[in-house]
Amino acid sequence: MEIKWHGHACFEIRDSMKIVIDPHDGRAIGIKPPRATPDVVLITHHHFDHDAVRVLNGNFKIIDAPGNYVFDGIKIRGILGYHDKEMGARRGKITMYKIELEGVKLLHVGDLGHILSKDMVKEIGDVDILFIPVGGVYTVDAREAFENVKLLQPKIVIPMHYRFDGLTLGIAPVEDFLKYFTKEQIIYVGNSIEFTKEDLENTTKIWVFTL
């Protein structure tokens, strides 16, 4: 299995099929658009920096709502969440996606804006790899992201939706989040990483992607 970062909250998961999550158009946020030809595109919510499917190539299935889906044996479950601390009253609802393939359980929480409730944690269940926003302003900040990590206890945490060179959104850098972890836990993986279930350790590691 391979995970590739296209910047911001956009990731591509490559295995027997290609899944792209939250594509942006690049231009609107100051970085290059994703170049990908997916089979399935998952949209956590319809904001301009998360639903630019027009930049993608090929014929693909779009999922943008809670529910249970299966493609070529790959299970995808959309779980309701909120873009703010007021159950969506300010910024709306989101769909978090749990993906199960090759025995690995991945969770992308989109622009999660709150600490997960006990019921949500129970509904989500076990998580091996967690994609979580850490930049604050529009999402949870570094401290709140860390609280969600403690609740879900994933093996791998992939921070996203933070400020880096070129990005025009006024959000915090990833370093604010990394302060909650030891140097031994933090691994800089580059733009993509290939791995198997057996490569995942039982202690939490942070995979930091770069463009």
N, C-alpha and C. Protein backbone atom coordinates (compact mmCIF):
# COMPACT_ATOMS: atom_id res chain seq x y z
N MET A 1 0.84 -1.18 0.00
CA MET A 1 0.00 0.00 0.00
C MET A 1 0.89 1.25 0.00
N GLU A 2 0.42 2.28 -0.68
CA GLU A 2 1.16 3.54 -0.73
C GLU A 2 0.24 4.70 -0.39
N ILE A 3 0.75 5.65 0.38
CA ILE A 3 0.04 6.89 0.67
C ILE A 3 0.87 8.03 0.10
N LYS A 4 0.21 8.89 -0.67
CA LYS A 4 0.88 10.06 -1.25
C LYS A 4 0.14 11.32 -0.83
N TRP A 5 0.91 12.35 -0.49
CA TRP A 5 0.31 13.63 -0.09
C TRP A 5 0.33 14.60 -1.26
N HIS A 6 -0.83 15.20 -1.54
CA HIS A 6 -0.95 16.22 -2.57
C HIS A 6 -1.08 17.62 -1.97
N GLY A 7 -0.75 17.76 -0.71
CA GLY A 7 -0.84 19.05 -0.04
C GLY A 7 -2.18 19.27 0.63
N HIS A 8 -2.15 20.07 1.70
CA HIS A 8 -3.34 20.44 2.46
C HIS A 8 -3.98 19.18 3.07
N ALA A 9 -5.24 18.88 2.74
CA ALA A 9 -5.90 17.69 3.28
C ALA A 9 -6.06 16.60 2.23
N CYS A 10 -5.39 16.77 1.09
CA CYS A 10 -5.56 15.84 -0.04
C CYS A 10 -4.52 14.73 -0.01
N PHE A 11 -5.00 13.52 0.10
CA PHE A 11 -4.13 12.34 0.08
C PHE A 11 -4.63 11.35 -0.96
N GLU A 12 -3.70 10.57 -1.47
CA GLU A 12 -4.02 9.49 -2.40
C GLU A 12 -3.56 8.18 -1.79
N ILE A 13 -4.47 7.22 -1.73
CA ILE A 13 -4.15 5.89 -1.21
C ILE A 13 -4.15 4.93 -2.40
N ARG A 14 -3.02 4.30 -2.62
CA ARG A 14 -2.85 3.42 -3.78
C ARG A 14 -2.69 1.98 -3.32
N ASP A 15 -3.54 1.12 -3.84
CA ASP A 15 -3.44 -0.31 -3.57
C ASP A 15 -4.01 -1.02 -4.80
N SER A 16 -4.99 -1.88 -4.62
CA SER A 16 -5.64 -2.51 -5.77
C SER A 16 -6.46 -1.49 -6.55
N MET A 17 -6.79 -0.39 -5.89
CA MET A 17 -7.44 0.73 -6.53
C MET A 17 -6.89 2.02 -5.95
N LYS A 18 -7.18 3.14 -6.58
CA LYS A 18 -6.66 4.43 -6.15
C LYS A 18 -7.79 5.26 -5.58
N ILE A 19 -7.57 5.75 -4.36
CA ILE A 19 -8.55 6.56 -3.67
C ILE A 19 -7.94 7.93 -3.40
N VAL A 20 -8.61 8.99 -3.83
CA VAL A 20 -8.18 10.35 -3.53
C VAL A 20 -9.18 10.98 -2.57
N ILE A 21 -8.65 11.64 -1.53
CA ILE A 21 -9.49 12.27 -0.52
C ILE A 21 -9.28 13.77 -0.55
N ASP A 22 -10.36 14.52 -0.58
CA ASP A 22 -10.38 15.99 -0.47
C ASP A 22 -9.44 16.71 -1.44
N PRO A 23 -9.68 16.57 -2.75
CA PRO A 23 -8.84 17.30 -3.72
C PRO A 23 -9.08 18.80 -3.69
N HIS A 24 -8.02 19.57 -3.78
CA HIS A 24 -8.09 21.04 -3.89
C HIS A 24 -7.67 21.41 -5.31
N ASP A 25 -7.91 22.65 -5.71
CA ASP A 25 -7.51 23.03 -7.07
C ASP A 25 -6.12 23.66 -7.11
N GLY A 26 -5.48 23.75 -5.95
CA GLY A 26 -4.13 24.28 -5.89
C GLY A 26 -4.09 25.79 -5.96
N ARG A 27 -4.52 26.33 -7.06
CA ARG A 27 -4.44 27.77 -7.32
C ARG A 27 -5.08 28.61 -6.22
N ALA A 28 -6.21 28.16 -5.70
CA ALA A 28 -6.94 28.94 -4.70
C ALA A 28 -6.22 28.98 -3.35
N ILE A 29 -5.28 28.06 -3.11
CA ILE A 29 -4.59 28.04 -1.82
C ILE A 29 -3.07 28.18 -1.98
N GLY A 30 -2.61 28.47 -3.19
CA GLY A 30 -1.21 28.81 -3.40
C GLY A 30 -0.25 27.68 -3.66
N ILE A 31 -0.75 26.47 -3.93
CA ILE A 31 0.13 25.34 -4.21
C ILE A 31 -0.32 24.64 -5.50
N LYS A 32 0.43 23.63 -5.91
CA LYS A 32 0.09 22.91 -7.14
C LYS A 32 -1.12 22.01 -6.91
N PRO A 33 -1.97 21.86 -7.92
CA PRO A 33 -3.12 20.96 -7.78
C PRO A 33 -2.66 19.50 -7.80
N PRO A 34 -3.46 18.61 -7.26
CA PRO A 34 -3.11 17.19 -7.31
C PRO A 34 -3.18 16.66 -8.74
N ARG A 35 -2.22 15.82 -9.08
CA ARG A 35 -2.24 15.12 -10.36
C ARG A 35 -2.49 13.65 -10.07
N ALA A 36 -3.69 13.20 -10.37
CA ALA A 36 -4.05 11.83 -10.02
C ALA A 36 -5.17 11.35 -10.93
N THR A 37 -5.23 10.03 -11.09
CA THR A 37 -6.29 9.37 -11.86
C THR A 37 -6.93 8.33 -10.96
N PRO A 38 -7.82 8.75 -10.09
CA PRO A 38 -8.38 7.84 -9.08
C PRO A 38 -9.51 6.98 -9.61
N ASP A 39 -9.81 5.94 -8.83
CA ASP A 39 -11.02 5.14 -9.06
C ASP A 39 -12.18 5.68 -8.22
N VAL A 40 -11.83 6.16 -7.03
CA VAL A 40 -12.84 6.69 -6.10
C VAL A 40 -12.32 7.99 -5.50
N VAL A 41 -13.21 8.97 -5.36
CA VAL A 41 -12.86 10.23 -4.71
C VAL A 41 -13.79 10.42 -3.51
N LEU A 42 -13.19 10.67 -2.36
CA LEU A 42 -13.95 10.90 -1.14
C LEU A 42 -13.92 12.38 -0.80
N ILE A 43 -15.09 12.97 -0.63
CA ILE A 43 -15.22 14.39 -0.30
C ILE A 43 -15.77 14.50 1.12
N THR A 44 -14.98 15.09 2.02
CA THR A 44 -15.46 15.20 3.41
C THR A 44 -16.48 16.31 3.58
N HIS A 45 -16.37 17.37 2.74
CA HIS A 45 -17.36 18.45 2.78
C HIS A 45 -17.12 19.34 1.56
N HIS A 46 -18.13 20.09 1.19
CA HIS A 46 -18.07 20.87 -0.05
C HIS A 46 -17.61 22.30 0.21
N HIS A 47 -16.35 22.43 0.60
CA HIS A 47 -15.67 23.72 0.64
C HIS A 47 -14.61 23.73 -0.45
N PHE A 48 -14.25 24.91 -0.94
CA PHE A 48 -13.45 25.03 -2.16
C PHE A 48 -12.10 24.32 -2.09
N ASP A 49 -11.55 24.17 -0.89
CA ASP A 49 -10.24 23.54 -0.77
C ASP A 49 -10.31 22.05 -0.46
N HIS A 50 -11.51 21.46 -0.67
CA HIS A 50 -11.68 20.04 -0.37
C HIS A 50 -12.48 19.27 -1.42
N ASP A 51 -13.05 19.95 -2.40
CA ASP A 51 -13.95 19.24 -3.32
C ASP A 51 -13.70 19.55 -4.80
N ALA A 52 -12.46 19.90 -5.16
CA ALA A 52 -12.16 20.30 -6.54
C ALA A 52 -11.92 19.07 -7.42
N VAL A 53 -12.97 18.29 -7.62
CA VAL A 53 -12.84 17.06 -8.41
C VAL A 53 -12.50 17.35 -9.87
N ARG A 54 -12.72 18.57 -10.33
CA ARG A 54 -12.47 18.91 -11.73
C ARG A 54 -11.00 18.82 -12.11
N VAL A 55 -10.10 18.85 -11.13
CA VAL A 55 -8.68 18.81 -11.45
C VAL A 55 -8.18 17.38 -11.63
N LEU A 56 -9.00 16.40 -11.31
CA LEU A 56 -8.60 15.00 -11.39
C LEU A 56 -8.87 14.43 -12.77
N ASN A 57 -8.17 13.37 -13.12
CA ASN A 57 -8.29 12.75 -14.43
C ASN A 57 -9.06 11.43 -14.35
N GLY A 58 -9.61 11.01 -15.50
CA GLY A 58 -10.25 9.71 -15.60
C GLY A 58 -11.70 9.69 -15.16
N ASN A 59 -12.25 8.48 -15.13
CA ASN A 59 -13.62 8.26 -14.68
C ASN A 59 -13.58 7.71 -13.26
N PHE A 60 -14.26 8.34 -12.35
CA PHE A 60 -14.18 7.92 -10.96
C PHE A 60 -15.52 8.08 -10.28
N LYS A 61 -15.69 7.31 -9.21
CA LYS A 61 -16.88 7.38 -8.39
C LYS A 61 -16.65 8.42 -7.29
N ILE A 62 -17.63 9.29 -7.06
CA ILE A 62 -17.53 10.30 -6.01
C ILE A 62 -18.43 9.91 -4.83
N ILE A 63 -17.88 9.95 -3.63
CA ILE A 63 -18.64 9.72 -2.41
C ILE A 63 -18.54 10.97 -1.56
N ASP A 64 -19.66 11.49 -1.10
CA ASP A 64 -19.64 12.73 -0.32
C ASP A 64 -20.67 12.73 0.81
N ALA A 65 -20.99 11.55 1.34
CA ALA A 65 -22.00 11.48 2.38
C ALA A 65 -21.76 10.26 3.27
N PRO A 66 -22.27 10.31 4.51
CA PRO A 66 -22.16 9.13 5.38
C PRO A 66 -22.83 7.91 4.77
N GLY A 67 -22.34 6.74 5.14
CA GLY A 67 -22.90 5.50 4.63
C GLY A 67 -21.82 4.44 4.51
N ASN A 68 -22.24 3.25 4.08
CA ASN A 68 -21.31 2.14 3.89
C ASN A 68 -21.17 1.83 2.41
N TYR A 69 -19.91 1.69 1.97
CA TYR A 69 -19.61 1.48 0.56
C TYR A 69 -18.56 0.38 0.44
N VAL A 70 -18.63 -0.38 -0.66
CA VAL A 70 -17.63 -1.42 -0.92
C VAL A 70 -17.22 -1.34 -2.39
N PHE A 71 -15.90 -1.29 -2.65
CA PHE A 71 -15.37 -1.28 -4.00
C PHE A 71 -14.24 -2.30 -4.07
N ASP A 72 -14.41 -3.32 -4.92
CA ASP A 72 -13.37 -4.35 -5.08
C ASP A 72 -12.90 -4.90 -3.75
N GLY A 73 -13.81 -5.11 -2.84
CA GLY A 73 -13.47 -5.68 -1.54
C GLY A 73 -12.95 -4.68 -0.53
N ILE A 74 -12.79 -3.41 -0.94
CA ILE A 74 -12.32 -2.37 -0.02
C ILE A 74 -13.54 -1.72 0.64
N LYS A 75 -13.57 -1.74 1.96
CA LYS A 75 -14.68 -1.18 2.71
C LYS A 75 -14.42 0.30 3.02
N ILE A 76 -15.42 1.12 2.77
CA ILE A 76 -15.36 2.55 3.08
C ILE A 76 -16.61 2.91 3.86
N ARG A 77 -16.41 3.52 5.02
CA ARG A 77 -17.55 3.93 5.83
C ARG A 77 -17.49 5.42 6.09
N GLY A 78 -18.55 6.12 5.70
CA GLY A 78 -18.64 7.55 5.97
C GLY A 78 -19.35 7.79 7.29
N ILE A 79 -18.71 8.57 8.17
CA ILE A 79 -19.21 8.80 9.52
C ILE A 79 -19.44 10.30 9.73
N LEU A 80 -20.58 10.66 10.25
CA LEU A 80 -20.92 12.06 10.45
C LEU A 80 -20.02 12.73 11.49
N GLY A 81 -19.56 13.94 11.15
CA GLY A 81 -18.80 14.77 12.08
C GLY A 81 -19.17 16.23 11.84
N TYR A 82 -18.47 17.14 12.52
CA TYR A 82 -18.82 18.55 12.42
C TYR A 82 -17.59 19.43 12.21
N HIS A 83 -17.80 20.51 11.46
CA HIS A 83 -16.73 21.44 11.11
C HIS A 83 -16.45 22.44 12.23
N ASP A 84 -17.22 22.37 13.30
CA ASP A 84 -17.07 23.33 14.40
C ASP A 84 -17.51 22.68 15.70
N LYS A 85 -17.46 23.44 16.78
CA LYS A 85 -17.80 22.92 18.09
C LYS A 85 -19.30 23.04 18.39
N GLU A 86 -20.08 23.50 17.42
CA GLU A 86 -21.51 23.74 17.64
C GLU A 86 -22.36 22.84 16.74
N MET A 87 -21.88 21.62 16.53
CA MET A 87 -22.59 20.61 15.73
C MET A 87 -22.96 21.13 14.35
N GLY A 88 -22.03 21.84 13.76
CA GLY A 88 -22.20 22.30 12.39
C GLY A 88 -22.93 23.61 12.23
N ALA A 89 -23.33 24.25 13.31
CA ALA A 89 -24.11 25.49 13.22
C ALA A 89 -23.33 26.61 12.54
N ARG A 90 -22.02 26.63 12.69
CA ARG A 90 -21.19 27.70 12.11
C ARG A 90 -20.65 27.35 10.72
N ARG A 91 -20.09 26.15 10.58
CA ARG A 91 -19.43 25.80 9.32
C ARG A 91 -20.00 24.55 8.64
N GLY A 92 -20.95 23.91 9.25
CA GLY A 92 -21.59 22.78 8.60
C GLY A 92 -21.09 21.42 9.08
N LYS A 93 -21.65 20.40 8.49
CA LYS A 93 -21.31 19.02 8.81
C LYS A 93 -20.16 18.55 7.91
N ILE A 94 -19.49 17.49 8.34
CA ILE A 94 -18.48 16.85 7.52
C ILE A 94 -18.72 15.35 7.54
N THR A 95 -18.08 14.65 6.62
CA THR A 95 -18.09 13.20 6.62
C THR A 95 -16.67 12.70 6.84
N MET A 96 -16.47 11.98 7.91
CA MET A 96 -15.19 11.32 8.14
C MET A 96 -15.22 9.96 7.44
N TYR A 97 -14.10 9.55 6.89
CA TYR A 97 -14.08 8.29 6.14
C TYR A 97 -13.13 7.28 6.76
N LYS A 98 -13.67 6.10 7.08
CA LYS A 98 -12.86 4.99 7.55
C LYS A 98 -12.73 3.99 6.39
N ILE A 99 -11.50 3.69 6.04
CA ILE A 99 -11.18 2.83 4.91
C ILE A 99 -10.48 1.59 5.43
N GLU A 100 -10.92 0.42 5.00
CA GLU A 100 -10.28 -0.82 5.41
C GLU A 100 -9.78 -1.58 4.19
N LEU A 101 -8.47 -1.76 4.11
CA LEU A 101 -7.87 -2.54 3.02
C LEU A 101 -6.56 -3.13 3.48
N GLU A 102 -6.27 -4.31 2.98
CA GLU A 102 -5.05 -5.04 3.34
C GLU A 102 -4.90 -5.18 4.86
N GLY A 103 -6.03 -5.27 5.56
CA GLY A 103 -5.99 -5.42 7.00
C GLY A 103 -5.65 -4.16 7.76
N VAL A 104 -5.57 -3.02 7.07
CA VAL A 104 -5.22 -1.74 7.68
C VAL A 104 -6.47 -0.86 7.72
N LYS A 105 -6.69 -0.21 8.86
CA LYS A 105 -7.84 0.67 9.04
C LYS A 105 -7.36 2.12 9.07
N LEU A 106 -7.79 2.90 8.07
CA LEU A 106 -7.39 4.29 7.95
C LEU A 106 -8.60 5.19 8.19
N LEU A 107 -8.37 6.32 8.87
CA LEU A 107 -9.45 7.27 9.12
C LEU A 107 -8.99 8.67 8.74
N HIS A 108 -9.73 9.28 7.81
CA HIS A 108 -9.49 10.67 7.41
C HIS A 108 -10.67 11.47 7.95
N VAL A 109 -10.38 12.44 8.83
CA VAL A 109 -11.47 13.15 9.52
C VAL A 109 -11.81 14.49 8.88
N GLY A 110 -11.24 14.81 7.71
CA GLY A 110 -11.58 16.04 7.03
C GLY A 110 -11.29 17.26 7.90
N ASP A 111 -12.13 18.27 7.81
CA ASP A 111 -11.96 19.49 8.61
C ASP A 111 -12.67 19.36 9.96
N LEU A 112 -12.27 18.37 10.70
CA LEU A 112 -12.88 18.15 12.01
C LEU A 112 -12.67 19.38 12.88
N GLY A 113 -13.75 19.87 13.49
CA GLY A 113 -13.67 21.10 14.26
C GLY A 113 -13.91 20.94 15.74
N HIS A 114 -13.88 19.70 16.24
CA HIS A 114 -14.23 19.48 17.65
C HIS A 114 -13.52 18.23 18.16
N ILE A 115 -13.50 18.09 19.46
CA ILE A 115 -13.00 16.86 20.07
C ILE A 115 -14.10 15.81 19.97
N LEU A 116 -13.73 14.63 19.57
CA LEU A 116 -14.70 13.56 19.34
C LEU A 116 -15.42 13.16 20.63
N SER A 117 -16.72 12.91 20.51
CA SER A 117 -17.49 12.45 21.66
C SER A 117 -17.23 10.96 21.88
N LYS A 118 -17.63 10.47 23.05
CA LYS A 118 -17.48 9.05 23.35
C LYS A 118 -18.24 8.19 22.34
N ASP A 119 -19.43 8.65 21.95
CA ASP A 119 -20.22 7.90 20.98
C ASP A 119 -19.53 7.84 19.62
N MET A 120 -18.90 8.95 19.22
CA MET A 120 -18.19 8.97 17.94
C MET A 120 -16.98 8.04 17.98
N VAL A 121 -16.25 8.07 19.08
CA VAL A 121 -15.09 7.19 19.21
C VAL A 121 -15.52 5.73 19.13
N LYS A 122 -16.64 5.41 19.77
CA LYS A 122 -17.16 4.04 19.72
C LYS A 122 -17.58 3.67 18.31
N GLU A 123 -18.24 4.60 17.62
CA GLU A 123 -18.67 4.32 16.24
C GLU A 123 -17.48 4.13 15.31
N ILE A 124 -16.44 4.91 15.50
CA ILE A 124 -15.25 4.80 14.66
C ILE A 124 -14.54 3.48 14.89
N GLY A 125 -14.37 3.07 16.12
CA GLY A 125 -13.68 1.82 16.42
C GLY A 125 -12.17 1.93 16.28
N ASP A 126 -11.53 0.82 16.04
CA ASP A 126 -10.07 0.77 15.94
C ASP A 126 -9.57 1.54 14.72
N VAL A 127 -8.45 2.24 14.91
CA VAL A 127 -7.82 3.00 13.83
C VAL A 127 -6.32 2.70 13.82
N ASP A 128 -5.80 2.32 12.67
CA ASP A 128 -4.36 2.13 12.52
C ASP A 128 -3.67 3.42 12.09
N ILE A 129 -4.27 4.10 11.11
CA ILE A 129 -3.68 5.31 10.54
C ILE A 129 -4.71 6.43 10.59
N LEU A 130 -4.35 7.53 11.23
CA LEU A 130 -5.26 8.67 11.40
C LEU A 130 -4.73 9.89 10.66
N PHE A 131 -5.53 10.42 9.74
CA PHE A 131 -5.24 11.69 9.07
C PHE A 131 -6.03 12.77 9.83
N ILE A 132 -5.32 13.75 10.41
CA ILE A 132 -6.03 14.71 11.25
C ILE A 132 -5.52 16.14 11.03
N PRO A 133 -6.44 17.13 10.93
CA PRO A 133 -6.01 18.52 10.79
C PRO A 133 -5.42 19.03 12.10
N VAL A 134 -4.43 19.91 11.99
CA VAL A 134 -3.76 20.40 13.20
C VAL A 134 -3.57 21.92 13.20
N GLY A 135 -3.98 22.60 12.12
CA GLY A 135 -3.65 24.01 11.94
C GLY A 135 -4.55 25.01 12.61
N GLY A 136 -5.67 24.55 13.21
CA GLY A 136 -6.57 25.48 13.89
C GLY A 136 -7.31 26.41 12.95
N VAL A 137 -7.92 27.44 13.48
CA VAL A 137 -8.72 28.46 12.79
C VAL A 137 -10.00 27.86 12.21
N TYR A 138 -9.86 26.98 11.23
CA TYR A 138 -11.03 26.35 10.59
C TYR A 138 -11.28 24.94 11.12
N THR A 139 -10.32 24.41 11.85
CA THR A 139 -10.39 23.03 12.33
C THR A 139 -9.91 22.99 13.79
N VAL A 140 -9.78 21.79 14.32
CA VAL A 140 -9.15 21.66 15.63
C VAL A 140 -7.72 22.19 15.55
N ASP A 141 -7.25 22.71 16.67
CA ASP A 141 -5.86 23.19 16.71
C ASP A 141 -4.95 22.05 17.19
N ALA A 142 -3.69 22.37 17.44
CA ALA A 142 -2.72 21.34 17.80
C ALA A 142 -3.11 20.59 19.07
N ARG A 143 -3.53 21.34 20.09
CA ARG A 143 -3.89 20.70 21.35
C ARG A 143 -5.12 19.81 21.20
N GLU A 144 -6.12 20.30 20.49
CA GLU A 144 -7.35 19.52 20.29
C GLU A 144 -7.08 18.30 19.42
N ALA A 145 -6.22 18.45 18.43
CA ALA A 145 -5.84 17.31 17.61
C ALA A 145 -5.17 16.24 18.47
N PHE A 146 -4.30 16.68 19.38
CA PHE A 146 -3.63 15.75 20.28
C PHE A 146 -4.63 15.03 21.17
N GLU A 147 -5.65 15.74 21.64
CA GLU A 147 -6.69 15.10 22.45
C GLU A 147 -7.41 14.02 21.66
N ASN A 148 -7.68 14.27 20.38
CA ASN A 148 -8.32 13.27 19.54
C ASN A 148 -7.41 12.07 19.28
N VAL A 149 -6.13 12.33 19.16
CA VAL A 149 -5.17 11.23 19.01
C VAL A 149 -5.21 10.33 20.24
N LYS A 150 -5.27 10.93 21.42
CA LYS A 150 -5.32 10.14 22.65
C LYS A 150 -6.61 9.31 22.72
N LEU A 151 -7.69 9.86 22.20
CA LEU A 151 -8.96 9.12 22.22
C LEU A 151 -8.95 7.93 21.27
N LEU A 152 -8.36 8.10 20.10
CA LEU A 152 -8.40 7.05 19.07
C LEU A 152 -7.22 6.10 19.14
N GLN A 153 -6.10 6.54 19.69
CA GLN A 153 -4.91 5.72 19.88
C GLN A 153 -4.48 4.98 18.60
N PRO A 154 -4.28 5.71 17.51
CA PRO A 154 -3.82 5.06 16.27
C PRO A 154 -2.35 4.68 16.37
N LYS A 155 -1.92 3.81 15.47
CA LYS A 155 -0.49 3.47 15.39
C LYS A 155 0.28 4.55 14.66
N ILE A 156 -0.37 5.14 13.66
CA ILE A 156 0.25 6.19 12.85
C ILE A 156 -0.66 7.41 12.83
N VAL A 157 -0.06 8.58 13.05
CA VAL A 157 -0.79 9.85 12.92
C VAL A 157 -0.18 10.62 11.76
N ILE A 158 -1.03 11.07 10.84
CA ILE A 158 -0.59 11.88 9.71
C ILE A 158 -1.23 13.26 9.85
N PRO A 159 -0.45 14.27 10.29
CA PRO A 159 -1.01 15.62 10.39
C PRO A 159 -1.26 16.22 9.02
N MET A 160 -2.29 17.07 8.92
CA MET A 160 -2.64 17.72 7.65
C MET A 160 -3.28 19.06 7.96
N HIS A 161 -3.61 19.80 6.90
CA HIS A 161 -4.32 21.07 7.04
C HIS A 161 -3.57 22.02 7.97
N TYR A 162 -2.29 22.23 7.65
CA TYR A 162 -1.44 23.15 8.41
C TYR A 162 -0.66 24.04 7.43
N ARG A 163 -0.06 25.11 7.95
CA ARG A 163 0.66 26.05 7.10
C ARG A 163 2.05 25.53 6.75
N PHE A 164 2.40 25.68 5.47
CA PHE A 164 3.76 25.39 5.01
C PHE A 164 4.08 26.37 3.90
N ASP A 165 5.32 26.39 3.44
CA ASP A 165 5.75 27.36 2.43
C ASP A 165 4.86 27.31 1.20
N GLY A 166 4.31 28.46 0.82
CA GLY A 166 3.47 28.56 -0.37
C GLY A 166 1.99 28.59 -0.07
N LEU A 167 1.56 27.91 0.98
CA LEU A 167 0.14 27.87 1.30
C LEU A 167 -0.34 29.24 1.74
N THR A 168 -1.45 29.69 1.19
CA THR A 168 -1.93 31.05 1.47
C THR A 168 -2.96 31.12 2.60
N LEU A 169 -3.35 29.99 3.16
CA LEU A 169 -4.32 29.99 4.25
C LEU A 169 -3.64 30.36 5.57
N GLY A 170 -4.30 31.18 6.38
CA GLY A 170 -3.72 31.63 7.64
C GLY A 170 -3.95 30.66 8.77
N ILE A 171 -3.25 29.54 8.74
CA ILE A 171 -3.37 28.52 9.78
C ILE A 171 -2.00 28.25 10.37
N ALA A 172 -1.96 27.51 11.47
CA ALA A 172 -0.71 27.29 12.19
C ALA A 172 0.15 26.22 11.52
N PRO A 173 1.47 26.25 11.75
CA PRO A 173 2.38 25.25 11.18
C PRO A 173 2.29 23.93 11.94
N VAL A 174 2.81 22.87 11.33
CA VAL A 174 2.75 21.54 11.92
C VAL A 174 3.58 21.44 13.20
N GLU A 175 4.60 22.28 13.33
CA GLU A 175 5.47 22.21 14.51
C GLU A 175 4.71 22.38 15.82
N ASP A 176 3.62 23.15 15.80
CA ASP A 176 2.82 23.33 17.01
C ASP A 176 2.26 21.99 17.49
N PHE A 177 1.92 21.12 16.56
CA PHE A 177 1.39 19.80 16.89
C PHE A 177 2.51 18.84 17.28
N LEU A 178 3.62 18.92 16.59
CA LEU A 178 4.72 17.99 16.84
C LEU A 178 5.31 18.15 18.24
N LYS A 179 5.10 19.29 18.87
CA LYS A 179 5.62 19.53 20.22
C LYS A 179 5.05 18.56 21.24
N TYR A 180 3.94 17.92 20.91
CA TYR A 180 3.32 16.98 21.84
C TYR A 180 3.94 15.59 21.78
N PHE A 181 4.94 15.41 20.92
CA PHE A 181 5.54 14.09 20.72
C PHE A 181 7.06 14.16 20.85
N THR A 182 7.67 13.02 21.09
CA THR A 182 9.12 12.96 21.20
C THR A 182 9.75 12.91 19.80
N LYS A 183 11.03 13.23 19.74
CA LYS A 183 11.73 13.17 18.46
C LYS A 183 11.72 11.75 17.90
N GLU A 184 11.73 10.76 18.77
CA GLU A 184 11.75 9.36 18.34
C GLU A 184 10.43 8.96 17.68
N GLN A 185 9.36 9.66 18.03
CA GLN A 185 8.06 9.34 17.45
C GLN A 185 7.85 9.95 16.06
N ILE A 186 8.59 10.99 15.74
CA ILE A 186 8.35 11.76 14.52
C ILE A 186 9.23 11.25 13.39
N ILE A 187 8.58 10.91 12.27
CA ILE A 187 9.30 10.40 11.10
C ILE A 187 8.91 11.24 9.88
N TYR A 188 9.90 11.81 9.22
CA TYR A 188 9.65 12.58 7.99
C TYR A 188 9.74 11.62 6.81
N VAL A 189 8.61 11.43 6.13
CA VAL A 189 8.53 10.36 5.13
C VAL A 189 8.64 10.86 3.69
N GLY A 190 8.77 12.16 3.48
CA GLY A 190 8.82 12.68 2.12
C GLY A 190 7.42 12.85 1.55
N ASN A 191 7.29 12.74 0.25
CA ASN A 191 6.01 12.96 -0.42
C ASN A 191 5.09 11.74 -0.40
N SER A 192 5.68 10.55 -0.25
CA SER A 192 4.88 9.33 -0.24
C SER A 192 5.60 8.24 0.54
N ILE A 193 4.85 7.24 0.93
CA ILE A 193 5.45 6.13 1.65
C ILE A 193 4.72 4.84 1.28
N GLU A 194 5.47 3.77 1.08
CA GLU A 194 4.92 2.44 0.85
C GLU A 194 5.13 1.61 2.10
N PHE A 195 4.15 0.80 2.45
CA PHE A 195 4.23 0.02 3.68
C PHE A 195 3.25 -1.14 3.63
N THR A 196 3.39 -2.05 4.58
CA THR A 196 2.44 -3.13 4.77
C THR A 196 1.94 -3.07 6.21
N LYS A 197 0.94 -3.84 6.51
CA LYS A 197 0.40 -3.88 7.87
C LYS A 197 1.49 -4.26 8.87
N GLU A 198 2.39 -5.16 8.45
CA GLU A 198 3.43 -5.63 9.35
C GLU A 198 4.44 -4.54 9.70
N ASP A 199 4.50 -3.49 8.90
CA ASP A 199 5.43 -2.39 9.16
C ASP A 199 4.95 -1.47 10.28
N LEU A 200 3.68 -1.55 10.63
CA LEU A 200 3.11 -0.65 11.62
C LEU A 200 3.41 -1.15 13.03
N GLU A 201 4.03 -0.30 13.82
CA GLU A 201 4.39 -0.66 15.18
C GLU A 201 3.21 -0.42 16.13
N ASN A 202 3.32 -0.96 17.33
CA ASN A 202 2.24 -0.79 18.29
C ASN A 202 2.32 0.52 19.06
N THR A 203 3.45 1.20 18.97
CA THR A 203 3.59 2.52 19.58
C THR A 203 3.31 3.59 18.54
N THR A 204 2.71 4.71 18.97
CA THR A 204 2.30 5.75 18.04
C THR A 204 3.49 6.45 17.39
N LYS A 205 3.45 6.54 16.06
CA LYS A 205 4.44 7.27 15.29
C LYS A 205 3.73 8.38 14.51
N ILE A 206 4.44 9.46 14.23
CA ILE A 206 3.90 10.57 13.46
C ILE A 206 4.60 10.60 12.11
N TRP A 207 3.85 10.43 11.04
CA TRP A 207 4.42 10.52 9.70
C TRP A 207 4.17 11.93 9.18
N VAL A 208 5.24 12.67 8.96
CA VAL A 208 5.14 14.03 8.44
C VAL A 208 5.51 14.01 6.97
N PHE A 209 4.56 14.39 6.12
CA PHE A 209 4.78 14.40 4.68
C PHE A 209 5.28 15.78 4.23
N THR A 210 5.99 15.79 3.11
CA THR A 210 6.45 17.04 2.52
C THR A 210 6.16 17.02 1.02
N LEU A 211 6.01 18.20 0.43
CA LEU A 211 5.78 18.29 -1.02
C LEU A 211 7.10 18.41 -1.74
